[in-house]
Amino acid sequence: MSNYDHVAGRSVERLAALSDGIFGVGMTLLVLDLRPPLIEVIHGEHGLASALVSILPQLVMYMMSFLTLCIFWVGQQTQLNHLERSDRHLTWINLAFLFAVTLLPFSTKLLAEFYAFRTALLEYWFNILLLGAGLYSTWGYAFRHSLLKADMPADVPAVVCRRIVAAQSLYALGALLCVIDTRVSIAAIVIVQLYYAVSPGFRARRQAPGGRAEARRN
């Protein structure tokens, strides 16, 4: 008789499809909090310019959170692309990761409205920490239970783990800067995000035909 745990949650494709949908909804919800100034209270160019300046914190938080979701979507898709298969437990780990994704619009709105408060900044950072923990747990579980593709270069698992830990360490350092000013923390988090958005990713060594090692970039 088959065990339910052995047959449930094995489709990587369905997991990727669900993830794409939730990330898409999360990105859309972020922009819904951006509203133009009411026309009734605008009386000329100067009034419109002043109103736009007043919503600048919301715009900055939107851009920061959109970039956050982009980075973690790329990270999750990179992991899913290296999976040979999934299982029930890995699926639930990914669902927990997606739960953290759905929290980001709330964290963004809280920080946009209370950006001068350390509590709002730390709640936003904790949301990022949950996202990082989800990626790390997914990768670690997949490695320990031999769910990764057999042709993957041997050093890739360690490189992925180091990248996640390094990013989370920098995020934590940025959050700690709130003891100086929350705006300094926000700027530091944005700098970390920009770095990981434009950085080349990890390099792995793959054995080429004839025994020659070649570099691979993801």
N, C-alpha and C. Protein backbone atom coordinates (compact mmCIF):
# COMPACT_ATOMS: atom_id res chain seq x y z
N MET A 1 0.85 -1.20 0.00
CA MET A 1 0.00 0.00 0.00
C MET A 1 0.88 1.24 0.00
N SER A 2 0.57 2.21 -0.85
CA SER A 2 1.37 3.43 -0.97
C SER A 2 1.12 4.34 0.22
N ASN A 3 2.19 5.03 0.64
CA ASN A 3 2.09 6.02 1.69
C ASN A 3 1.76 7.37 1.07
N TYR A 4 0.79 8.09 1.67
CA TYR A 4 0.36 9.37 1.11
C TYR A 4 1.52 10.34 0.96
N ASP A 5 2.41 10.37 1.97
CA ASP A 5 3.55 11.29 1.92
C ASP A 5 4.45 11.02 0.73
N HIS A 6 4.43 9.80 0.20
CA HIS A 6 5.30 9.45 -0.92
C HIS A 6 4.74 9.88 -2.27
N VAL A 7 3.46 10.24 -2.32
CA VAL A 7 2.85 10.58 -3.60
C VAL A 7 2.37 12.03 -3.65
N ALA A 8 2.32 12.72 -2.52
CA ALA A 8 1.78 14.09 -2.48
C ALA A 8 2.87 15.12 -2.76
N GLY A 9 2.48 16.21 -3.44
CA GLY A 9 3.35 17.36 -3.62
C GLY A 9 4.61 17.11 -4.40
N ARG A 10 4.58 16.27 -5.41
CA ARG A 10 5.80 15.91 -6.14
C ARG A 10 6.04 16.77 -7.38
N SER A 11 5.07 17.57 -7.76
CA SER A 11 5.19 18.33 -9.00
C SER A 11 5.90 19.66 -8.79
N VAL A 12 7.09 19.80 -9.35
CA VAL A 12 7.81 21.07 -9.30
C VAL A 12 7.11 22.11 -10.18
N GLU A 13 6.53 21.66 -11.29
CA GLU A 13 5.87 22.58 -12.22
C GLU A 13 4.67 23.26 -11.57
N ARG A 14 3.86 22.49 -10.83
CA ARG A 14 2.71 23.09 -10.16
C ARG A 14 3.15 24.06 -9.07
N LEU A 15 4.21 23.73 -8.39
CA LEU A 15 4.74 24.60 -7.35
C LEU A 15 5.25 25.90 -7.96
N ALA A 16 5.93 25.82 -9.10
CA ALA A 16 6.43 27.02 -9.77
C ALA A 16 5.27 27.88 -10.27
N ALA A 17 4.21 27.23 -10.77
CA ALA A 17 3.06 27.98 -11.26
C ALA A 17 2.36 28.73 -10.13
N LEU A 18 2.19 28.06 -8.99
CA LEU A 18 1.57 28.71 -7.83
C LEU A 18 2.44 29.88 -7.36
N SER A 19 3.74 29.68 -7.32
CA SER A 19 4.65 30.73 -6.89
C SER A 19 4.58 31.94 -7.81
N ASP A 20 4.55 31.71 -9.11
CA ASP A 20 4.45 32.82 -10.06
C ASP A 20 3.18 33.62 -9.82
N GLY A 21 2.08 32.93 -9.58
CA GLY A 21 0.81 33.61 -9.35
C GLY A 21 0.84 34.46 -8.09
N ILE A 22 1.37 33.91 -7.01
CA ILE A 22 1.40 34.64 -5.74
C ILE A 22 2.36 35.83 -5.83
N PHE A 23 3.50 35.65 -6.45
CA PHE A 23 4.42 36.77 -6.63
C PHE A 23 3.76 37.85 -7.48
N GLY A 24 3.05 37.45 -8.53
CA GLY A 24 2.38 38.43 -9.39
C GLY A 24 1.33 39.22 -8.63
N VAL A 25 0.53 38.53 -7.82
CA VAL A 25 -0.49 39.21 -7.02
C VAL A 25 0.17 40.14 -6.00
N GLY A 26 1.25 39.66 -5.35
CA GLY A 26 1.94 40.49 -4.38
C GLY A 26 2.48 41.76 -5.00
N MET A 27 3.08 41.67 -6.19
CA MET A 27 3.60 42.84 -6.87
C MET A 27 2.48 43.81 -7.24
N THR A 28 1.32 43.26 -7.62
CA THR A 28 0.19 44.11 -7.99
C THR A 28 -0.39 44.82 -6.78
N LEU A 29 -0.48 44.10 -5.65
CA LEU A 29 -1.02 44.72 -4.43
C LEU A 29 -0.16 45.88 -3.96
N LEU A 30 1.14 45.81 -4.21
CA LEU A 30 2.02 46.89 -3.78
C LEU A 30 1.61 48.22 -4.41
N VAL A 31 1.28 48.19 -5.69
CA VAL A 31 1.01 49.44 -6.40
C VAL A 31 -0.37 49.99 -6.07
N LEU A 32 -1.24 49.17 -5.52
CA LEU A 32 -2.59 49.64 -5.20
C LEU A 32 -2.60 50.69 -4.10
N ASP A 33 -1.55 50.71 -3.28
CA ASP A 33 -1.46 51.72 -2.22
C ASP A 33 -0.95 53.06 -2.73
N LEU A 34 -0.52 53.10 -3.99
CA LEU A 34 -0.08 54.37 -4.58
C LEU A 34 -1.27 55.06 -5.21
N ARG A 35 -1.67 56.16 -4.62
CA ARG A 35 -2.84 56.89 -5.13
C ARG A 35 -2.44 58.32 -5.45
N PRO A 36 -2.89 58.86 -6.59
CA PRO A 36 -2.57 60.25 -6.93
C PRO A 36 -3.29 61.21 -5.99
N PRO A 37 -2.78 62.43 -5.86
CA PRO A 37 -3.45 63.42 -4.99
C PRO A 37 -4.88 63.70 -5.47
N LEU A 38 -5.75 64.02 -4.52
CA LEU A 38 -7.12 64.35 -4.87
C LEU A 38 -7.17 65.68 -5.60
N ILE A 39 -7.90 65.71 -6.71
CA ILE A 39 -7.94 66.92 -7.53
C ILE A 39 -8.58 68.08 -6.78
N GLU A 40 -9.47 67.76 -5.81
CA GLU A 40 -10.17 68.81 -5.08
C GLU A 40 -9.23 69.65 -4.21
N VAL A 41 -8.09 69.07 -3.82
CA VAL A 41 -7.19 69.80 -2.91
C VAL A 41 -5.99 70.38 -3.65
N ILE A 42 -5.94 70.22 -4.96
CA ILE A 42 -4.83 70.75 -5.75
C ILE A 42 -5.27 72.04 -6.42
N HIS A 43 -4.49 73.10 -6.17
CA HIS A 43 -4.82 74.41 -6.75
C HIS A 43 -3.58 75.01 -7.39
N GLY A 44 -3.14 74.36 -8.46
CA GLY A 44 -2.01 74.89 -9.19
C GLY A 44 -0.80 73.96 -9.16
N GLU A 45 0.21 74.34 -9.93
CA GLU A 45 1.41 73.52 -10.07
C GLU A 45 2.13 73.32 -8.73
N HIS A 46 2.21 74.40 -7.95
CA HIS A 46 2.91 74.29 -6.68
C HIS A 46 2.20 73.31 -5.75
N GLY A 47 0.90 73.34 -5.75
CA GLY A 47 0.14 72.43 -4.91
C GLY A 47 0.34 70.98 -5.32
N LEU A 48 0.38 70.73 -6.63
CA LEU A 48 0.59 69.36 -7.12
C LEU A 48 1.99 68.87 -6.76
N ALA A 49 2.98 69.75 -6.94
CA ALA A 49 4.35 69.37 -6.59
C ALA A 49 4.48 69.05 -5.11
N SER A 50 3.85 69.83 -4.26
CA SER A 50 3.90 69.59 -2.82
C SER A 50 3.22 68.28 -2.47
N ALA A 51 2.10 67.98 -3.14
CA ALA A 51 1.38 66.74 -2.87
C ALA A 51 2.21 65.53 -3.29
N LEU A 52 2.92 65.65 -4.41
CA LEU A 52 3.76 64.54 -4.87
C LEU A 52 4.92 64.30 -3.91
N VAL A 53 5.48 65.38 -3.37
CA VAL A 53 6.56 65.23 -2.38
C VAL A 53 6.03 64.51 -1.15
N SER A 54 4.79 64.79 -0.77
CA SER A 54 4.23 64.18 0.43
C SER A 54 4.03 62.67 0.29
N ILE A 55 3.85 62.19 -0.96
CA ILE A 55 3.67 60.74 -1.15
C ILE A 55 4.99 60.06 -1.55
N LEU A 56 6.09 60.80 -1.49
CA LEU A 56 7.38 60.22 -1.86
C LEU A 56 7.75 59.01 -1.00
N PRO A 57 7.49 59.02 0.32
CA PRO A 57 7.80 57.81 1.10
C PRO A 57 7.07 56.57 0.59
N GLN A 58 5.79 56.72 0.21
CA GLN A 58 5.05 55.59 -0.33
C GLN A 58 5.67 55.09 -1.63
N LEU A 59 6.13 56.02 -2.47
CA LEU A 59 6.75 55.63 -3.74
C LEU A 59 8.06 54.89 -3.50
N VAL A 60 8.87 55.39 -2.56
CA VAL A 60 10.14 54.73 -2.25
C VAL A 60 9.90 53.32 -1.72
N MET A 61 8.92 53.17 -0.81
CA MET A 61 8.63 51.85 -0.26
C MET A 61 8.10 50.89 -1.32
N TYR A 62 7.31 51.43 -2.25
CA TYR A 62 6.83 50.59 -3.35
C TYR A 62 7.98 50.08 -4.19
N MET A 63 8.88 50.97 -4.55
CA MET A 63 10.02 50.57 -5.38
C MET A 63 10.90 49.57 -4.64
N MET A 64 11.14 49.80 -3.34
CA MET A 64 11.97 48.90 -2.55
C MET A 64 11.33 47.52 -2.45
N SER A 65 10.04 47.48 -2.19
CA SER A 65 9.37 46.19 -2.03
C SER A 65 9.21 45.45 -3.36
N PHE A 66 8.99 46.18 -4.44
CA PHE A 66 8.93 45.54 -5.75
C PHE A 66 10.27 44.87 -6.05
N LEU A 67 11.34 45.58 -5.74
CA LEU A 67 12.68 45.02 -5.95
C LEU A 67 12.91 43.81 -5.04
N THR A 68 12.40 43.88 -3.80
CA THR A 68 12.51 42.74 -2.89
C THR A 68 11.86 41.51 -3.48
N LEU A 69 10.64 41.66 -3.97
CA LEU A 69 9.93 40.52 -4.56
C LEU A 69 10.64 40.01 -5.81
N CYS A 70 11.18 40.91 -6.61
CA CYS A 70 11.92 40.47 -7.80
C CYS A 70 13.12 39.61 -7.42
N ILE A 71 13.87 40.05 -6.40
CA ILE A 71 15.07 39.32 -5.99
C ILE A 71 14.70 37.93 -5.48
N PHE A 72 13.66 37.86 -4.64
CA PHE A 72 13.30 36.56 -4.07
C PHE A 72 12.60 35.67 -5.09
N TRP A 73 11.92 36.26 -6.07
CA TRP A 73 11.35 35.43 -7.14
C TRP A 73 12.47 34.78 -7.95
N VAL A 74 13.49 35.58 -8.28
CA VAL A 74 14.63 35.02 -9.01
C VAL A 74 15.31 33.93 -8.18
N GLY A 75 15.46 34.18 -6.88
CA GLY A 75 16.09 33.19 -6.02
C GLY A 75 15.30 31.90 -5.97
N GLN A 76 13.98 32.00 -5.83
CA GLN A 76 13.18 30.78 -5.77
C GLN A 76 13.17 30.05 -7.11
N GLN A 77 13.06 30.79 -8.21
CA GLN A 77 13.04 30.14 -9.52
C GLN A 77 14.38 29.45 -9.80
N THR A 78 15.47 30.04 -9.34
CA THR A 78 16.78 29.40 -9.49
C THR A 78 16.80 28.05 -8.78
N GLN A 79 16.25 28.03 -7.57
CA GLN A 79 16.21 26.78 -6.83
C GLN A 79 15.30 25.75 -7.51
N LEU A 80 14.11 26.19 -7.91
CA LEU A 80 13.18 25.25 -8.54
C LEU A 80 13.75 24.68 -9.83
N ASN A 81 14.51 25.48 -10.54
CA ASN A 81 15.10 25.00 -11.80
C ASN A 81 16.15 23.91 -11.57
N HIS A 82 16.68 23.84 -10.35
CA HIS A 82 17.68 22.81 -10.03
C HIS A 82 17.08 21.59 -9.35
N LEU A 83 15.76 21.57 -9.18
CA LEU A 83 15.12 20.43 -8.54
C LEU A 83 14.80 19.34 -9.56
N GLU A 84 15.16 18.13 -9.23
CA GLU A 84 14.77 16.98 -10.04
C GLU A 84 13.31 16.63 -9.80
N ARG A 85 12.88 16.76 -8.55
CA ARG A 85 11.50 16.49 -8.16
C ARG A 85 11.25 17.16 -6.81
N SER A 86 10.01 17.15 -6.38
CA SER A 86 9.65 17.68 -5.08
C SER A 86 9.03 16.56 -4.24
N ASP A 87 8.68 16.88 -3.01
CA ASP A 87 7.91 15.95 -2.20
C ASP A 87 6.99 16.76 -1.30
N ARG A 88 6.22 16.08 -0.49
CA ARG A 88 5.21 16.77 0.33
C ARG A 88 5.85 17.79 1.28
N HIS A 89 6.93 17.43 1.92
CA HIS A 89 7.55 18.31 2.90
C HIS A 89 8.18 19.53 2.23
N LEU A 90 8.83 19.33 1.09
CA LEU A 90 9.41 20.46 0.37
C LEU A 90 8.32 21.40 -0.12
N THR A 91 7.20 20.86 -0.54
CA THR A 91 6.08 21.69 -0.97
C THR A 91 5.59 22.57 0.17
N TRP A 92 5.47 22.01 1.36
CA TRP A 92 5.01 22.81 2.49
C TRP A 92 6.03 23.86 2.91
N ILE A 93 7.30 23.56 2.76
CA ILE A 93 8.33 24.57 3.04
C ILE A 93 8.17 25.74 2.07
N ASN A 94 7.92 25.42 0.81
CA ASN A 94 7.71 26.48 -0.18
C ASN A 94 6.43 27.25 0.08
N LEU A 95 5.40 26.58 0.56
CA LEU A 95 4.16 27.28 0.90
C LEU A 95 4.39 28.25 2.07
N ALA A 96 5.22 27.85 3.02
CA ALA A 96 5.56 28.76 4.11
C ALA A 96 6.33 29.97 3.57
N PHE A 97 7.23 29.73 2.61
CA PHE A 97 7.93 30.83 1.95
C PHE A 97 6.94 31.77 1.26
N LEU A 98 5.96 31.22 0.58
CA LEU A 98 4.97 32.04 -0.11
C LEU A 98 4.09 32.82 0.87
N PHE A 99 3.88 32.26 2.06
CA PHE A 99 3.18 33.01 3.10
C PHE A 99 3.92 34.30 3.42
N ALA A 100 5.25 34.22 3.52
CA ALA A 100 6.05 35.42 3.77
C ALA A 100 5.93 36.40 2.60
N VAL A 101 5.80 35.88 1.39
CA VAL A 101 5.61 36.74 0.22
C VAL A 101 4.31 37.53 0.35
N THR A 102 3.24 36.87 0.77
CA THR A 102 1.94 37.55 0.88
C THR A 102 1.93 38.60 1.99
N LEU A 103 2.85 38.51 2.95
CA LEU A 103 2.92 39.50 4.03
C LEU A 103 3.58 40.80 3.60
N LEU A 104 4.34 40.77 2.51
CA LEU A 104 5.14 41.94 2.16
C LEU A 104 4.29 43.18 1.85
N PRO A 105 3.15 43.08 1.17
CA PRO A 105 2.35 44.30 0.97
C PRO A 105 1.95 44.97 2.30
N PHE A 106 1.62 44.17 3.32
CA PHE A 106 1.30 44.75 4.62
C PHE A 106 2.53 45.41 5.23
N SER A 107 3.67 44.73 5.20
CA SER A 107 4.90 45.29 5.75
C SER A 107 5.27 46.58 5.04
N THR A 108 5.05 46.62 3.74
CA THR A 108 5.36 47.81 2.95
C THR A 108 4.48 48.98 3.36
N LYS A 109 3.18 48.73 3.48
CA LYS A 109 2.25 49.80 3.87
C LYS A 109 2.55 50.31 5.26
N LEU A 110 2.88 49.40 6.18
CA LEU A 110 3.22 49.81 7.54
C LEU A 110 4.45 50.70 7.55
N LEU A 111 5.48 50.30 6.82
CA LEU A 111 6.70 51.09 6.78
C LEU A 111 6.49 52.42 6.06
N ALA A 112 5.67 52.43 5.03
CA ALA A 112 5.41 53.67 4.30
C ALA A 112 4.72 54.71 5.18
N GLU A 113 3.84 54.26 6.05
CA GLU A 113 3.08 55.18 6.89
C GLU A 113 3.82 55.53 8.18
N PHE A 114 4.74 54.65 8.62
CA PHE A 114 5.46 54.88 9.88
C PHE A 114 6.97 54.72 9.69
N TYR A 115 7.49 55.29 8.62
CA TYR A 115 8.90 55.06 8.28
C TYR A 115 9.85 55.65 9.31
N ALA A 116 9.37 56.55 10.16
CA ALA A 116 10.23 57.12 11.19
C ALA A 116 10.27 56.27 12.45
N PHE A 117 9.48 55.18 12.49
CA PHE A 117 9.40 54.33 13.67
C PHE A 117 10.26 53.08 13.48
N ARG A 118 11.07 52.77 14.49
CA ARG A 118 11.92 51.58 14.41
C ARG A 118 11.11 50.30 14.35
N THR A 119 9.98 50.28 15.02
CA THR A 119 9.15 49.07 15.03
C THR A 119 8.71 48.70 13.62
N ALA A 120 8.30 49.69 12.84
CA ALA A 120 7.87 49.44 11.46
C ALA A 120 9.04 48.95 10.62
N LEU A 121 10.22 49.55 10.81
CA LEU A 121 11.41 49.14 10.06
C LEU A 121 11.82 47.71 10.41
N LEU A 122 11.78 47.39 11.70
CA LEU A 122 12.18 46.04 12.12
C LEU A 122 11.16 45.00 11.66
N GLU A 123 9.88 45.36 11.60
CA GLU A 123 8.88 44.42 11.09
C GLU A 123 9.13 44.14 9.61
N TYR A 124 9.51 45.17 8.86
CA TYR A 124 9.82 44.99 7.44
C TYR A 124 11.04 44.08 7.29
N TRP A 125 12.07 44.34 8.11
CA TRP A 125 13.27 43.49 8.05
C TRP A 125 12.93 42.05 8.42
N PHE A 126 12.06 41.85 9.42
CA PHE A 126 11.69 40.49 9.81
C PHE A 126 10.99 39.77 8.67
N ASN A 127 10.22 40.50 7.88
CA ASN A 127 9.59 39.91 6.70
C ASN A 127 10.64 39.43 5.71
N ILE A 128 11.68 40.23 5.51
CA ILE A 128 12.78 39.83 4.64
C ILE A 128 13.50 38.61 5.22
N LEU A 129 13.66 38.59 6.53
CA LEU A 129 14.30 37.45 7.19
C LEU A 129 13.50 36.16 6.95
N LEU A 130 12.18 36.25 7.03
CA LEU A 130 11.34 35.09 6.77
C LEU A 130 11.51 34.59 5.33
N LEU A 131 11.60 35.53 4.40
CA LEU A 131 11.80 35.15 3.01
C LEU A 131 13.14 34.43 2.83
N GLY A 132 14.19 34.98 3.43
CA GLY A 132 15.49 34.34 3.34
C GLY A 132 15.52 32.98 4.00
N ALA A 133 14.86 32.86 5.16
CA ALA A 133 14.80 31.58 5.84
C ALA A 133 14.05 30.55 5.00
N GLY A 134 13.02 31.00 4.28
CA GLY A 134 12.29 30.08 3.40
C GLY A 134 13.15 29.54 2.29
N LEU A 135 13.93 30.41 1.66
CA LEU A 135 14.82 29.96 0.59
C LEU A 135 15.90 29.02 1.13
N TYR A 136 16.47 29.38 2.26
CA TYR A 136 17.53 28.56 2.84
C TYR A 136 17.00 27.18 3.24
N SER A 137 15.82 27.16 3.83
CA SER A 137 15.23 25.88 4.26
C SER A 137 14.89 25.01 3.06
N THR A 138 14.37 25.62 2.02
CA THR A 138 14.04 24.87 0.80
C THR A 138 15.27 24.20 0.22
N TRP A 139 16.33 24.98 0.07
CA TRP A 139 17.56 24.47 -0.54
C TRP A 139 18.20 23.40 0.34
N GLY A 140 18.23 23.65 1.65
CA GLY A 140 18.83 22.68 2.55
C GLY A 140 18.09 21.36 2.56
N TYR A 141 16.75 21.43 2.57
CA TYR A 141 15.96 20.20 2.57
C TYR A 141 16.17 19.44 1.26
N ALA A 142 16.13 20.17 0.14
CA ALA A 142 16.31 19.51 -1.16
C ALA A 142 17.67 18.83 -1.26
N PHE A 143 18.71 19.46 -0.71
CA PHE A 143 20.05 18.88 -0.76
C PHE A 143 20.13 17.63 0.13
N ARG A 144 19.58 17.73 1.33
CA ARG A 144 19.69 16.60 2.27
C ARG A 144 18.90 15.39 1.80
N HIS A 145 17.83 15.61 1.04
CA HIS A 145 16.97 14.50 0.62
C HIS A 145 17.15 14.14 -0.85
N SER A 146 18.26 14.58 -1.44
CA SER A 146 18.64 14.20 -2.81
C SER A 146 17.54 14.51 -3.82
N LEU A 147 16.99 15.72 -3.73
CA LEU A 147 15.96 16.15 -4.67
C LEU A 147 16.53 17.02 -5.79
N LEU A 148 17.82 17.31 -5.72
CA LEU A 148 18.45 18.16 -6.73
C LEU A 148 18.86 17.33 -7.94
N LYS A 149 19.02 17.99 -9.08
CA LYS A 149 19.38 17.31 -10.31
C LYS A 149 20.78 16.70 -10.19
N ALA A 150 20.93 15.52 -10.72
CA ALA A 150 22.20 14.79 -10.58
C ALA A 150 23.34 15.45 -11.35
N ASP A 151 23.03 16.18 -12.44
CA ASP A 151 24.09 16.77 -13.25
C ASP A 151 24.51 18.16 -12.77
N MET A 152 24.02 18.58 -11.63
CA MET A 152 24.36 19.89 -11.10
C MET A 152 25.81 19.87 -10.59
N PRO A 153 26.59 20.91 -10.87
CA PRO A 153 27.97 20.96 -10.36
C PRO A 153 28.00 20.80 -8.84
N ALA A 154 29.01 20.13 -8.34
CA ALA A 154 29.05 19.76 -6.93
C ALA A 154 29.14 20.96 -5.99
N ASP A 155 29.68 22.08 -6.47
CA ASP A 155 29.85 23.22 -5.57
C ASP A 155 28.65 24.16 -5.53
N VAL A 156 27.64 23.92 -6.36
CA VAL A 156 26.49 24.82 -6.42
C VAL A 156 25.74 24.89 -5.09
N PRO A 157 25.42 23.76 -4.42
CA PRO A 157 24.67 23.86 -3.16
C PRO A 157 25.32 24.79 -2.13
N ALA A 158 26.63 24.68 -1.97
CA ALA A 158 27.32 25.53 -0.99
C ALA A 158 27.32 26.99 -1.43
N VAL A 159 27.46 27.23 -2.72
CA VAL A 159 27.48 28.60 -3.23
C VAL A 159 26.13 29.27 -3.01
N VAL A 160 25.04 28.54 -3.26
CA VAL A 160 23.70 29.09 -3.05
C VAL A 160 23.48 29.43 -1.58
N CYS A 161 23.89 28.54 -0.69
CA CYS A 161 23.73 28.78 0.75
C CYS A 161 24.52 30.01 1.18
N ARG A 162 25.75 30.14 0.68
CA ARG A 162 26.57 31.29 1.05
C ARG A 162 25.94 32.59 0.57
N ARG A 163 25.35 32.57 -0.60
CA ARG A 163 24.72 33.78 -1.13
C ARG A 163 23.53 34.21 -0.27
N ILE A 164 22.72 33.25 0.15
CA ILE A 164 21.57 33.57 1.00
C ILE A 164 22.03 34.13 2.34
N VAL A 165 23.01 33.45 2.96
CA VAL A 165 23.50 33.89 4.26
C VAL A 165 24.14 35.27 4.17
N ALA A 166 24.91 35.52 3.13
CA ALA A 166 25.55 36.82 2.96
C ALA A 166 24.51 37.93 2.80
N ALA A 167 23.49 37.67 1.98
CA ALA A 167 22.45 38.67 1.77
C ALA A 167 21.70 38.97 3.07
N GLN A 168 21.34 37.92 3.80
CA GLN A 168 20.61 38.13 5.04
C GLN A 168 21.47 38.85 6.08
N SER A 169 22.75 38.59 6.09
CA SER A 169 23.65 39.29 7.01
C SER A 169 23.69 40.78 6.70
N LEU A 170 23.73 41.11 5.42
CA LEU A 170 23.74 42.52 5.02
C LEU A 170 22.41 43.19 5.33
N TYR A 171 21.30 42.48 5.12
CA TYR A 171 20.00 43.02 5.50
C TYR A 171 19.93 43.29 7.00
N ALA A 172 20.44 42.36 7.80
CA ALA A 172 20.42 42.53 9.26
C ALA A 172 21.26 43.74 9.67
N LEU A 173 22.42 43.89 9.02
CA LEU A 173 23.27 45.04 9.30
C LEU A 173 22.55 46.34 8.96
N GLY A 174 21.85 46.34 7.82
CA GLY A 174 21.09 47.52 7.44
C GLY A 174 19.99 47.83 8.44
N ALA A 175 19.31 46.79 8.94
CA ALA A 175 18.25 47.00 9.92
C ALA A 175 18.80 47.56 11.22
N LEU A 176 20.00 47.12 11.62
CA LEU A 176 20.61 47.60 12.86
C LEU A 176 20.92 49.10 12.80
N LEU A 177 21.06 49.62 11.60
CA LEU A 177 21.36 51.05 11.46
C LEU A 177 20.19 51.93 11.88
N CYS A 178 19.05 51.30 12.17
CA CYS A 178 17.91 52.09 12.63
C CYS A 178 18.19 52.74 13.98
N VAL A 179 19.21 52.28 14.71
CA VAL A 179 19.59 52.94 15.96
C VAL A 179 20.09 54.35 15.69
N ILE A 180 20.55 54.58 14.45
CA ILE A 180 20.96 55.93 14.03
C ILE A 180 19.76 56.69 13.51
N ASP A 181 19.12 56.11 12.50
CA ASP A 181 17.94 56.71 11.89
C ASP A 181 17.31 55.67 10.97
N THR A 182 16.01 55.56 11.00
CA THR A 182 15.34 54.57 10.15
C THR A 182 15.57 54.85 8.67
N ARG A 183 15.74 56.12 8.32
CA ARG A 183 15.99 56.44 6.92
C ARG A 183 17.36 55.93 6.47
N VAL A 184 18.31 55.88 7.38
CA VAL A 184 19.62 55.29 7.07
C VAL A 184 19.46 53.80 6.81
N SER A 185 18.63 53.14 7.63
CA SER A 185 18.37 51.72 7.43
C SER A 185 17.72 51.45 6.08
N ILE A 186 16.73 52.25 5.74
CA ILE A 186 16.03 52.08 4.46
C ILE A 186 17.01 52.24 3.30
N ALA A 187 17.87 53.25 3.38
CA ALA A 187 18.85 53.47 2.32
C ALA A 187 19.81 52.28 2.22
N ALA A 188 20.23 51.74 3.37
CA ALA A 188 21.15 50.60 3.36
C ALA A 188 20.49 49.37 2.75
N ILE A 189 19.22 49.13 3.08
CA ILE A 189 18.50 47.99 2.51
C ILE A 189 18.37 48.13 1.00
N VAL A 190 18.08 49.34 0.54
CA VAL A 190 17.97 49.56 -0.90
C VAL A 190 19.31 49.30 -1.59
N ILE A 191 20.41 49.72 -0.98
CA ILE A 191 21.73 49.49 -1.55
C ILE A 191 22.01 47.99 -1.66
N VAL A 192 21.67 47.23 -0.62
CA VAL A 192 21.85 45.78 -0.65
C VAL A 192 21.03 45.18 -1.79
N GLN A 193 19.79 45.64 -1.92
CA GLN A 193 18.93 45.11 -2.98
C GLN A 193 19.48 45.41 -4.35
N LEU A 194 19.94 46.64 -4.55
CA LEU A 194 20.49 47.01 -5.85
C LEU A 194 21.72 46.17 -6.18
N TYR A 195 22.54 45.90 -5.16
CA TYR A 195 23.72 45.08 -5.40
C TYR A 195 23.32 43.68 -5.86
N TYR A 196 22.37 43.06 -5.16
CA TYR A 196 21.98 41.69 -5.53
C TYR A 196 21.14 41.65 -6.80
N ALA A 197 20.55 42.77 -7.16
CA ALA A 197 19.80 42.80 -8.42
C ALA A 197 20.72 42.84 -9.63
N VAL A 198 21.88 43.48 -9.48
CA VAL A 198 22.79 43.63 -10.62
C VAL A 198 24.01 42.73 -10.53
N SER A 199 24.21 42.05 -9.39
CA SER A 199 25.37 41.17 -9.26
C SER A 199 25.22 39.97 -10.18
N PRO A 200 26.32 39.38 -10.63
CA PRO A 200 26.25 38.34 -11.65
C PRO A 200 25.73 37.01 -11.17
N GLY A 201 25.51 36.83 -9.87
CA GLY A 201 25.04 35.53 -9.40
C GLY A 201 26.21 34.62 -9.08
N PHE A 202 25.90 33.35 -8.91
CA PHE A 202 26.97 32.44 -8.50
C PHE A 202 27.61 31.77 -9.72
N ARG A 203 28.88 31.46 -9.53
CA ARG A 203 29.60 30.70 -10.55
C ARG A 203 29.77 29.27 -10.08
N ALA A 204 29.65 28.37 -10.98
CA ALA A 204 29.88 26.96 -10.66
C ALA A 204 30.80 26.38 -11.71
N ARG A 205 31.45 25.32 -11.35
CA ARG A 205 32.37 24.66 -12.27
C ARG A 205 31.72 23.40 -12.80
N ARG A 206 31.58 23.35 -14.11
CA ARG A 206 31.00 22.17 -14.74
C ARG A 206 32.07 21.47 -15.58
N GLN A 207 32.04 20.17 -15.54
CA GLN A 207 33.03 19.40 -16.29
C GLN A 207 32.65 19.38 -17.77
N ALA A 208 33.49 19.91 -18.59
CA ALA A 208 33.23 19.96 -20.02
C ALA A 208 33.67 18.65 -20.67
N PRO A 209 33.23 18.40 -21.90
CA PRO A 209 33.68 17.20 -22.60
C PRO A 209 35.20 17.16 -22.68
N GLY A 210 35.77 16.00 -22.43
CA GLY A 210 37.21 15.86 -22.45
C GLY A 210 37.87 16.14 -21.13
N GLY A 211 37.06 16.41 -20.08
CA GLY A 211 37.60 16.59 -18.75
C GLY A 211 37.95 18.02 -18.41
N ARG A 212 37.77 18.99 -19.33
CA ARG A 212 38.11 20.37 -19.05
C ARG A 212 36.97 21.03 -18.29
N ALA A 213 37.29 21.74 -17.21
CA ALA A 213 36.27 22.41 -16.42
C ALA A 213 35.92 23.73 -17.07
N GLU A 214 34.63 24.05 -17.11
CA GLU A 214 34.20 25.31 -17.66
C GLU A 214 33.32 26.02 -16.64
N ALA A 215 33.37 27.34 -16.69
CA ALA A 215 32.58 28.13 -15.73
C ALA A 215 31.15 28.23 -16.23
N ARG A 216 30.25 28.27 -15.26
CA ARG A 216 28.83 28.41 -15.57
C ARG A 216 28.26 29.50 -14.69
N ARG A 217 27.49 30.39 -15.26
CA ARG A 217 26.88 31.47 -14.49
C ARG A 217 25.38 31.34 -14.56
N ASN A 218 24.71 31.53 -13.39
CA ASN A 218 23.26 31.45 -13.30
C ASN A 218 22.70 32.78 -12.87
